[in-house]
Amino acid sequence: MRFHEPREEVYFSYALDSEDEHGITSAETEIARSMCATVRDVVLRLHPELPYRTYVTVR
């Protein structure tokens, strides 16, 4: 996880190993949605003073 202070964004990455391209696309969508929601909720709850409100997934 990385923080980009000037842009007020949080970047986090993940990797999937599979030969099924369609399965990966579906999984990535769900993973991104889940990760963004979870990280947003945790950051807001534990550190409400932080300015980060945008979360970006990086494949």
PDB file of N, CA and C in Angstrom:
ATOM      1  N   MET A   1       0.853  -1.159   0.000  1.00  0.00           N
ATOM      2  CA  MET A   1       0.000   0.000   0.000  1.00  0.00           C
ATOM      3  C   MET A   1       0.902   1.226   0.000  1.00  0.00           C
ATOM      4  N   ARG A   2       0.541   2.193  -0.814  1.00  0.00           N
ATOM      5  CA  ARG A   2       1.303   3.442  -0.906  1.00  0.00           C
ATOM      6  C   ARG A   2       0.330   4.621  -0.798  1.00  0.00           C
ATOM      7  N   PHE A   3       0.838   5.708  -0.243  1.00  0.00           N
ATOM      8  CA  PHE A   3       0.050   6.925  -0.116  1.00  0.00           C
ATOM      9  C   PHE A   3       0.647   7.983  -1.036  1.00  0.00           C
ATOM     10  N   HIS A   4      -0.198   8.638  -1.801  1.00  0.00           N
ATOM     11  CA  HIS A   4       0.232   9.728  -2.669  1.00  0.00           C
ATOM     12  C   HIS A   4      -0.346  11.002  -2.060  1.00  0.00           C
ATOM     13  N   GLU A   5       0.454  11.651  -1.219  1.00  0.00           N
ATOM     14  CA  GLU A   5      -0.043  12.787  -0.442  1.00  0.00           C
ATOM     15  C   GLU A   5      -0.584  13.944  -1.280  1.00  0.00           C
ATOM     16  N   PRO A   6       0.136  14.410  -2.318  1.00  0.00           N
ATOM     17  CA  PRO A   6      -0.378  15.549  -3.082  1.00  0.00           C
ATOM     18  C   PRO A   6      -1.732  15.260  -3.755  1.00  0.00           C
ATOM     19  N   ARG A   7      -1.929  14.013  -4.187  1.00  0.00           N
ATOM     20  CA  ARG A   7      -3.183  13.660  -4.860  1.00  0.00           C
ATOM     21  C   ARG A   7      -4.232  13.122  -3.899  1.00  0.00           C
ATOM     22  N   GLU A   8      -3.837  12.939  -2.633  1.00  0.00           N
ATOM     23  CA  GLU A   8      -4.728  12.398  -1.608  1.00  0.00           C
ATOM     24  C   GLU A   8      -5.327  11.064  -2.043  1.00  0.00           C
ATOM     25  N   GLU A   9      -4.463  10.179  -2.558  1.00  0.00           N
ATOM     26  CA  GLU A   9      -4.895   8.857  -3.010  1.00  0.00           C
ATOM     27  C   GLU A   9      -4.110   7.777  -2.290  1.00  0.00           C
ATOM     28  N   VAL A  10      -4.752   6.640  -2.151  1.00  0.00           N
ATOM     29  CA  VAL A  10      -4.122   5.449  -1.589  1.00  0.00           C
ATOM     30  C   VAL A  10      -4.027   4.431  -2.721  1.00  0.00           C
ATOM     31  N   TYR A  11      -2.835   3.880  -2.933  1.00  0.00           N
ATOM     32  CA  TYR A  11      -2.624   2.873  -3.972  1.00  0.00           C
ATOM     33  C   TYR A  11      -2.321   1.537  -3.302  1.00  0.00           C
ATOM     34  N   PHE A  12      -2.981   0.488  -3.746  1.00  0.00           N
ATOM     35  CA  PHE A  12      -2.650  -0.843  -3.261  1.00  0.00           C
ATOM     36  C   PHE A  12      -2.677  -1.795  -4.433  1.00  0.00           C
ATOM     37  N   SER A  13      -1.891  -2.849  -4.325  1.00  0.00           N
ATOM     38  CA  SER A  13      -1.748  -3.761  -5.455  1.00  0.00           C
ATOM     39  C   SER A  13      -2.117  -5.184  -5.059  1.00  0.00           C
ATOM     40  N   TYR A  14      -2.351  -5.995  -6.067  1.00  0.00           N
ATOM     41  CA  TYR A  14      -2.674  -7.398  -5.885  1.00  0.00           C
ATOM     42  C   TYR A  14      -2.255  -8.145  -7.142  1.00  0.00           C
ATOM     43  N   ALA A  15      -2.210  -9.461  -7.053  1.00  0.00           N
ATOM     44  CA  ALA A  15      -1.860 -10.282  -8.209  1.00  0.00           C
ATOM     45  C   ALA A  15      -2.730 -11.535  -8.211  1.00  0.00           C
ATOM     46  N   LEU A  16      -3.158 -11.944  -9.387  1.00  0.00           N
ATOM     47  CA  LEU A  16      -3.920 -13.180  -9.554  1.00  0.00           C
ATOM     48  C   LEU A  16      -3.167 -14.081 -10.521  1.00  0.00           C
ATOM     49  N   ASP A  17      -3.128 -15.359 -10.215  1.00  0.00           N
ATOM     50  CA  ASP A  17      -2.499 -16.327 -11.103  1.00  0.00           C
ATOM     51  C   ASP A  17      -3.581 -17.227 -11.692  1.00  0.00           C
ATOM     52  N   SER A  18      -3.823 -17.087 -12.985  1.00  0.00           N
ATOM     53  CA  SER A  18      -4.829 -17.922 -13.638  1.00  0.00           C
ATOM     54  C   SER A  18      -4.670 -17.823 -15.148  1.00  0.00           C
ATOM     55  N   GLU A  19      -5.116 -18.852 -15.828  1.00  0.00           N
ATOM     56  CA  GLU A  19      -5.124 -18.868 -17.291  1.00  0.00           C
ATOM     57  C   GLU A  19      -6.469 -18.388 -17.837  1.00  0.00           C
ATOM     58  N   ASP A  20      -7.465 -18.307 -16.977  1.00  0.00           N
ATOM     59  CA  ASP A  20      -8.832 -17.955 -17.367  1.00  0.00           C
ATOM     60  C   ASP A  20      -8.999 -16.437 -17.392  1.00  0.00           C
ATOM     61  N   GLU A  21      -8.834 -15.829 -18.552  1.00  0.00           N
ATOM     62  CA  GLU A  21      -8.884 -14.370 -18.690  1.00  0.00           C
ATOM     63  C   GLU A  21     -10.239 -13.798 -18.272  1.00  0.00           C
ATOM     64  N   HIS A  22     -11.334 -14.461 -18.660  1.00  0.00           N
ATOM     65  CA  HIS A  22     -12.663 -13.982 -18.271  1.00  0.00           C
ATOM     66  C   HIS A  22     -12.837 -14.068 -16.757  1.00  0.00           C
ATOM     67  N   GLY A  23     -12.365 -15.154 -16.163  1.00  0.00           N
ATOM     68  CA  GLY A  23     -12.445 -15.318 -14.716  1.00  0.00           C
ATOM     69  C   GLY A  23     -11.641 -14.260 -13.986  1.00  0.00           C
ATOM     70  N   ILE A  24     -10.487 -13.935 -14.535  1.00  0.00           N
ATOM     71  CA  ILE A  24      -9.636 -12.900 -13.921  1.00  0.00           C
ATOM     72  C   ILE A  24     -10.332 -11.552 -13.966  1.00  0.00           C
ATOM     73  N   THR A  25     -10.939 -11.208 -15.085  1.00  0.00           N
ATOM     74  CA  THR A  25     -11.627  -9.920 -15.208  1.00  0.00           C
ATOM     75  C   THR A  25     -12.739  -9.808 -14.179  1.00  0.00           C
ATOM     76  N   SER A  26     -13.523 -10.858 -14.033  1.00  0.00           N
ATOM     77  CA  SER A  26     -14.601 -10.845 -13.037  1.00  0.00           C
ATOM     78  C   SER A  26     -14.048 -10.756 -11.626  1.00  0.00           C
ATOM     79  N   ALA A  27     -13.002 -11.542 -11.346  1.00  0.00           N
ATOM     80  CA  ALA A  27     -12.399 -11.538 -10.017  1.00  0.00           C
ATOM     81  C   ALA A  27     -11.785 -10.180  -9.706  1.00  0.00           C
ATOM     82  N   GLU A  28     -11.126  -9.574 -10.665  1.00  0.00           N
ATOM     83  CA  GLU A  28     -10.493  -8.268 -10.441  1.00  0.00           C
ATOM     84  C   GLU A  28     -11.521  -7.213 -10.071  1.00  0.00           C
ATOM     85  N   THR A  29     -12.652  -7.242 -10.743  1.00  0.00           N
ATOM     86  CA  THR A  29     -13.705  -6.278 -10.435  1.00  0.00           C
ATOM     87  C   THR A  29     -14.161  -6.437  -8.990  1.00  0.00           C
ATOM     88  N   GLU A  30     -14.393  -7.661  -8.585  1.00  0.00           N
ATOM     89  CA  GLU A  30     -14.846  -7.917  -7.211  1.00  0.00           C
ATOM     90  C   GLU A  30     -13.752  -7.600  -6.189  1.00  0.00           C
ATOM     91  N   ILE A  31     -12.520  -7.974  -6.501  1.00  0.00           N
ATOM     92  CA  ILE A  31     -11.400  -7.692  -5.598  1.00  0.00           C
ATOM     93  C   ILE A  31     -11.233  -6.187  -5.425  1.00  0.00           C
ATOM     94  N   ALA A  32     -11.247  -5.458  -6.519  1.00  0.00           N
ATOM     95  CA  ALA A  32     -11.082  -4.002  -6.453  1.00  0.00           C
ATOM     96  C   ALA A  32     -12.188  -3.370  -5.616  1.00  0.00           C
ATOM     97  N   ARG A  33     -13.416  -3.792  -5.849  1.00  0.00           N
ATOM     98  CA  ARG A  33     -14.545  -3.239  -5.102  1.00  0.00           C
ATOM     99  C   ARG A  33     -14.390  -3.526  -3.602  1.00  0.00           C
ATOM    100  N   SER A  34     -14.068  -4.758  -3.290  1.00  0.00           N
ATOM    101  CA  SER A  34     -13.910  -5.162  -1.891  1.00  0.00           C
ATOM    102  C   SER A  34     -12.748  -4.452  -1.212  1.00  0.00           C
ATOM    103  N   MET A  35     -11.609  -4.429  -1.887  1.00  0.00           N
ATOM    104  CA  MET A  35     -10.426  -3.800  -1.301  1.00  0.00           C
ATOM    105  C   MET A  35     -10.657  -2.314  -1.078  1.00  0.00           C
ATOM    106  N   CYS A  36     -11.214  -1.630  -2.046  1.00  0.00           N
ATOM    107  CA  CYS A  36     -11.448  -0.185  -1.911  1.00  0.00           C
ATOM    108  C   CYS A  36     -12.405   0.103  -0.756  1.00  0.00           C
ATOM    109  N   ALA A  37     -13.492  -0.645  -0.676  1.00  0.00           N
ATOM    110  CA  ALA A  37     -14.467  -0.418   0.392  1.00  0.00           C
ATOM    111  C   ALA A  37     -13.868  -0.709   1.762  1.00  0.00           C
ATOM    112  N   THR A  38     -13.129  -1.807   1.868  1.00  0.00           N
ATOM    113  CA  THR A  38     -12.538  -2.183   3.150  1.00  0.00           C
ATOM    114  C   THR A  38     -11.484  -1.173   3.588  1.00  0.00           C
ATOM    115  N   VAL A  39     -10.578  -0.837   2.688  1.00  0.00           N
ATOM    116  CA  VAL A  39      -9.520   0.115   3.042  1.00  0.00           C
ATOM    117  C   VAL A  39     -10.131   1.468   3.398  1.00  0.00           C
ATOM    118  N   ARG A  40     -11.100   1.912   2.622  1.00  0.00           N
ATOM    119  CA  ARG A  40     -11.753   3.198   2.909  1.00  0.00           C
ATOM    120  C   ARG A  40     -12.370   3.180   4.309  1.00  0.00           C
ATOM    121  N   ASP A  41     -13.096   2.123   4.623  1.00  0.00           N
ATOM    122  CA  ASP A  41     -13.755   2.045   5.927  1.00  0.00           C
ATOM    123  C   ASP A  41     -12.751   1.995   7.074  1.00  0.00           C
ATOM    124  N   VAL A  42     -11.682   1.238   6.896  1.00  0.00           N
ATOM    125  CA  VAL A  42     -10.665   1.125   7.945  1.00  0.00           C
ATOM    126  C   VAL A  42      -9.944   2.456   8.138  1.00  0.00           C
ATOM    127  N   VAL A  43      -9.545   3.071   7.044  1.00  0.00           N
ATOM    128  CA  VAL A  43      -8.833   4.357   7.146  1.00  0.00           C
ATOM    129  C   VAL A  43      -9.733   5.404   7.803  1.00  0.00           C
ATOM    130  N   LEU A  44     -10.977   5.483   7.383  1.00  0.00           N
ATOM    131  CA  LEU A  44     -11.881   6.487   7.957  1.00  0.00           C
ATOM    132  C   LEU A  44     -12.142   6.228   9.436  1.00  0.00           C
ATOM    133  N   ARG A  45     -12.252   4.958   9.806  1.00  0.00           N
ATOM    134  CA  ARG A  45     -12.540   4.630  11.197  1.00  0.00           C
ATOM    135  C   ARG A  45     -11.314   4.839  12.098  1.00  0.00           C
ATOM    136  N   LEU A  46     -10.160   4.370  11.648  1.00  0.00           N
ATOM    137  CA  LEU A  46      -8.962   4.438  12.482  1.00  0.00           C
ATOM    138  C   LEU A  46      -8.249   5.782  12.413  1.00  0.00           C
ATOM    139  N   HIS A  47      -8.350   6.443  11.252  1.00  0.00           N
ATOM    140  CA  HIS A  47      -7.632   7.709  11.066  1.00  0.00           C
ATOM    141  C   HIS A  47      -8.525   8.733  10.350  1.00  0.00           C
ATOM    142  N   PRO A  48      -9.580   9.198  10.999  1.00  0.00           N
ATOM    143  CA  PRO A  48     -10.495  10.128  10.330  1.00  0.00           C
ATOM    144  C   PRO A  48      -9.845  11.449   9.932  1.00  0.00           C
ATOM    145  N   GLU A  49      -8.698  11.761  10.520  1.00  0.00           N
ATOM    146  CA  GLU A  49      -8.023  13.016  10.198  1.00  0.00           C
ATOM    147  C   GLU A  49      -7.278  12.969   8.866  1.00  0.00           C
ATOM    148  N   LEU A  50      -7.038  11.760   8.339  1.00  0.00           N
ATOM    149  CA  LEU A  50      -6.309  11.654   7.065  1.00  0.00           C
ATOM    150  C   LEU A  50      -7.169  12.138   5.903  1.00  0.00           C
ATOM    151  N   PRO A  51      -6.565  12.773   4.911  1.00  0.00           N
ATOM    152  CA  PRO A  51      -7.324  13.338   3.796  1.00  0.00           C
ATOM    153  C   PRO A  51      -7.666  12.329   2.698  1.00  0.00           C
ATOM    154  N   TYR A  52      -7.189  11.088   2.820  1.00  0.00           N
ATOM    155  CA  TYR A  52      -7.346  10.128   1.724  1.00  0.00           C
ATOM    156  C   TYR A  52      -8.797   9.689   1.559  1.00  0.00           C
ATOM    157  N   ARG A  53      -9.342   9.959   0.383  1.00  0.00           N
ATOM    158  CA  ARG A  53     -10.721   9.579   0.079  1.00  0.00           C
ATOM    159  C   ARG A  53     -10.834   8.845  -1.256  1.00  0.00           C
ATOM    160  N   THR A  54      -9.723   8.753  -1.992  1.00  0.00           N
ATOM    161  CA  THR A  54      -9.715   8.064  -3.271  1.00  0.00           C
ATOM    162  C   THR A  54      -8.777   6.870  -3.168  1.00  0.00           C
ATOM    163  N   TYR A  55      -9.244   5.706  -3.610  1.00  0.00           N
ATOM    164  CA  TYR A  55      -8.474   4.472  -3.513  1.00  0.00           C
ATOM    165  C   TYR A  55      -8.318   3.878  -4.914  1.00  0.00           C
ATOM    166  N   VAL A  56      -7.088   3.505  -5.252  1.00  0.00           N
ATOM    167  CA  VAL A  56      -6.750   3.059  -6.598  1.00  0.00           C
ATOM    168  C   VAL A  56      -6.126   1.678  -6.523  1.00  0.00           C
ATOM    169  N   THR A  57      -6.665   0.727  -7.286  1.00  0.00           N
ATOM    170  CA  THR A  57      -6.046  -0.600  -7.340  1.00  0.00           C
ATOM    171  C   THR A  57      -5.075  -0.657  -8.512  1.00  0.00           C
ATOM    172  N   VAL A  58      -3.979  -1.360  -8.314  1.00  0.00           N
ATOM    173  CA  VAL A  58      -2.943  -1.488  -9.339  1.00  0.00           C
ATOM    174  C   VAL A  58      -2.694  -2.967  -9.565  1.00  0.00           C
ATOM    175  N   ARG A  59      -2.877  -3.396 -10.795  1.00  0.00           N
ATOM    176  CA  ARG A  59      -2.671  -4.808 -11.138  1.00  0.00           C
ATOM    177  C   ARG A  59      -1.220  -5.110 -11.339  1.00  0.00           C
TER     178      ARG A  59
END
